[in-house]
Amino acid sequence: MPRPIIDVEECTGCGICTDTCPNDVLDIVQDIATVINEDSCTACGDCMEECPMAAIIEIEED
């Protein structure tokens, strides 16, 4: 199942991804988007599509 990875160099902590995620997978922690509930991620891609900084990618894990 894919999981989101945050590029901390690019993330501005705007919160758009946390507002967009339908499963509360992400939260802003110390001004950076952070995966807090990885098991709830359905790999919908909404967070990646909405991130204005393109700071989120998904990687495939077994």
N, C-alpha and C. Protein backbone atom coordinates (compact mmCIF):
# COMPACT_ATOMS: atom_id res chain seq x y z
N MET A 1 0.84 -1.18 0.00
CA MET A 1 0.00 0.00 0.00
C MET A 1 0.89 1.25 0.00
N PRO A 2 0.58 2.21 -0.85
CA PRO A 2 1.37 3.45 -0.86
C PRO A 2 1.20 4.23 0.44
N ARG A 3 2.21 5.02 0.77
CA ARG A 3 2.12 5.88 1.93
C ARG A 3 2.70 7.24 1.58
N PRO A 4 2.17 8.31 2.15
CA PRO A 4 2.65 9.65 1.84
C PRO A 4 3.98 9.94 2.53
N ILE A 5 4.82 10.66 1.81
CA ILE A 5 6.09 11.13 2.34
C ILE A 5 6.12 12.64 2.17
N ILE A 6 6.49 13.35 3.21
CA ILE A 6 6.53 14.81 3.19
C ILE A 6 7.97 15.26 2.97
N ASP A 7 8.18 16.13 1.98
CA ASP A 7 9.48 16.76 1.77
C ASP A 7 9.55 17.97 2.70
N VAL A 8 10.24 17.81 3.81
CA VAL A 8 10.27 18.87 4.82
C VAL A 8 10.99 20.12 4.33
N GLU A 9 11.80 19.99 3.30
CA GLU A 9 12.47 21.16 2.72
C GLU A 9 11.49 22.03 1.94
N GLU A 10 10.44 21.42 1.40
CA GLU A 10 9.47 22.14 0.58
C GLU A 10 8.19 22.52 1.33
N CYS A 11 7.83 21.76 2.34
CA CYS A 11 6.58 21.99 3.07
C CYS A 11 6.63 23.33 3.82
N THR A 12 5.58 24.12 3.65
CA THR A 12 5.48 25.40 4.35
C THR A 12 4.52 25.34 5.54
N GLY A 13 3.89 24.18 5.74
CA GLY A 13 2.97 24.03 6.86
C GLY A 13 1.66 24.78 6.67
N CYS A 14 1.26 24.97 5.43
CA CYS A 14 0.04 25.74 5.14
C CYS A 14 -1.23 25.05 5.61
N GLY A 15 -1.22 23.72 5.70
CA GLY A 15 -2.37 22.98 6.20
C GLY A 15 -3.38 22.56 5.14
N ILE A 16 -3.14 22.90 3.89
CA ILE A 16 -4.07 22.50 2.84
C ILE A 16 -4.20 20.99 2.76
N CYS A 17 -3.11 20.28 2.89
CA CYS A 17 -3.16 18.82 2.82
C CYS A 17 -3.97 18.23 3.97
N THR A 18 -3.83 18.79 5.16
CA THR A 18 -4.57 18.27 6.31
C THR A 18 -6.06 18.53 6.16
N ASP A 19 -6.41 19.67 5.56
CA ASP A 19 -7.82 19.99 5.33
C ASP A 19 -8.41 19.12 4.23
N THR A 20 -7.57 18.71 3.28
CA THR A 20 -8.02 17.94 2.12
C THR A 20 -8.15 16.46 2.42
N CYS A 21 -7.31 15.93 3.27
CA CYS A 21 -7.30 14.48 3.54
C CYS A 21 -8.61 14.03 4.17
N PRO A 22 -9.32 13.10 3.53
CA PRO A 22 -10.60 12.64 4.08
C PRO A 22 -10.46 11.70 5.27
N ASN A 23 -9.23 11.24 5.54
CA ASN A 23 -9.05 10.24 6.60
C ASN A 23 -8.16 10.71 7.75
N ASP A 24 -7.90 11.99 7.83
CA ASP A 24 -7.09 12.55 8.92
C ASP A 24 -5.74 11.86 9.07
N VAL A 25 -5.09 11.63 7.94
CA VAL A 25 -3.77 10.98 7.95
C VAL A 25 -2.68 11.97 8.32
N LEU A 26 -2.87 13.22 7.97
CA LEU A 26 -1.84 14.25 8.16
C LEU A 26 -2.26 15.28 9.19
N ASP A 27 -1.26 15.87 9.83
CA ASP A 27 -1.49 16.98 10.74
C ASP A 27 -0.27 17.89 10.64
N ILE A 28 -0.41 19.13 11.07
CA ILE A 28 0.72 20.05 11.10
C ILE A 28 1.37 19.94 12.48
N VAL A 29 2.63 19.55 12.50
CA VAL A 29 3.39 19.40 13.73
C VAL A 29 4.66 20.24 13.58
N GLN A 30 4.85 21.16 14.47
CA GLN A 30 5.98 22.08 14.43
C GLN A 30 6.13 22.72 13.05
N ASP A 31 5.01 23.19 12.52
CA ASP A 31 4.93 23.93 11.26
C ASP A 31 5.26 23.11 10.02
N ILE A 32 5.19 21.79 10.11
CA ILE A 32 5.44 20.90 8.96
C ILE A 32 4.34 19.84 8.92
N ALA A 33 3.85 19.55 7.71
CA ALA A 33 2.89 18.45 7.57
C ALA A 33 3.57 17.15 8.00
N THR A 34 2.84 16.36 8.76
CA THR A 34 3.39 15.13 9.32
C THR A 34 2.35 14.02 9.22
N VAL A 35 2.81 12.84 8.84
CA VAL A 35 1.92 11.68 8.78
C VAL A 35 1.71 11.21 10.22
N ILE A 36 0.46 11.26 10.66
CA ILE A 36 0.16 10.87 12.05
C ILE A 36 -0.70 9.61 12.13
N ASN A 37 -1.26 9.20 10.99
CA ASN A 37 -2.17 8.05 10.99
C ASN A 37 -2.02 7.29 9.68
N GLU A 38 -0.83 6.77 9.45
CA GLU A 38 -0.49 6.12 8.18
C GLU A 38 -1.44 4.98 7.82
N ASP A 39 -1.90 4.24 8.80
CA ASP A 39 -2.77 3.08 8.52
C ASP A 39 -4.11 3.48 7.92
N SER A 40 -4.52 4.74 8.10
CA SER A 40 -5.79 5.20 7.54
C SER A 40 -5.67 5.71 6.11
N CYS A 41 -4.45 5.81 5.60
CA CYS A 41 -4.24 6.33 4.25
C CYS A 41 -4.79 5.33 3.22
N THR A 42 -5.62 5.84 2.31
CA THR A 42 -6.18 5.01 1.24
C THR A 42 -5.51 5.29 -0.10
N ALA A 43 -4.47 6.11 -0.09
CA ALA A 43 -3.71 6.48 -1.30
C ALA A 43 -4.61 7.15 -2.34
N CYS A 44 -5.52 7.99 -1.87
CA CYS A 44 -6.42 8.69 -2.79
C CYS A 44 -5.69 9.75 -3.60
N GLY A 45 -4.60 10.28 -3.05
CA GLY A 45 -3.80 11.26 -3.76
C GLY A 45 -4.27 12.70 -3.60
N ASP A 46 -5.33 12.92 -2.84
CA ASP A 46 -5.85 14.27 -2.66
C ASP A 46 -4.81 15.22 -2.07
N CYS A 47 -4.07 14.76 -1.09
CA CYS A 47 -3.06 15.61 -0.45
C CYS A 47 -1.99 16.04 -1.45
N MET A 48 -1.56 15.12 -2.29
CA MET A 48 -0.54 15.44 -3.30
C MET A 48 -1.07 16.43 -4.32
N GLU A 49 -2.29 16.23 -4.76
CA GLU A 49 -2.89 17.10 -5.77
C GLU A 49 -3.08 18.53 -5.26
N GLU A 50 -3.42 18.67 -4.00
CA GLU A 50 -3.74 19.99 -3.45
C GLU A 50 -2.54 20.74 -2.88
N CYS A 51 -1.45 20.06 -2.63
CA CYS A 51 -0.28 20.72 -2.04
C CYS A 51 0.31 21.73 -3.03
N PRO A 52 0.29 23.02 -2.68
CA PRO A 52 0.80 24.04 -3.60
C PRO A 52 2.32 24.00 -3.76
N MET A 53 3.01 23.33 -2.87
CA MET A 53 4.46 23.26 -2.93
C MET A 53 4.96 21.94 -3.51
N ALA A 54 4.04 21.04 -3.87
CA ALA A 54 4.40 19.70 -4.36
C ALA A 54 5.34 19.01 -3.39
N ALA A 55 5.03 19.15 -2.10
CA ALA A 55 5.89 18.62 -1.05
C ALA A 55 5.49 17.22 -0.59
N ILE A 56 4.51 16.61 -1.25
CA ILE A 56 4.06 15.28 -0.84
C ILE A 56 4.17 14.32 -2.01
N ILE A 57 4.78 13.20 -1.74
CA ILE A 57 4.83 12.11 -2.74
C ILE A 57 4.32 10.86 -2.05
N GLU A 58 4.01 9.86 -2.82
CA GLU A 58 3.63 8.56 -2.27
C GLU A 58 4.66 7.54 -2.70
N ILE A 59 5.04 6.68 -1.78
CA ILE A 59 5.92 5.57 -2.12
C ILE A 59 5.18 4.28 -1.86
N GLU A 60 5.48 3.30 -2.65
CA GLU A 60 4.87 1.99 -2.50
C GLU A 60 5.67 1.16 -1.52
N GLU A 61 4.99 0.58 -0.55
CA GLU A 61 5.63 -0.32 0.40
C GLU A 61 4.89 -1.63 0.42
N ASP A 62 5.60 -2.69 0.72
CA ASP A 62 4.98 -4.00 0.80
C ASP A 62 4.21 -4.17 2.09
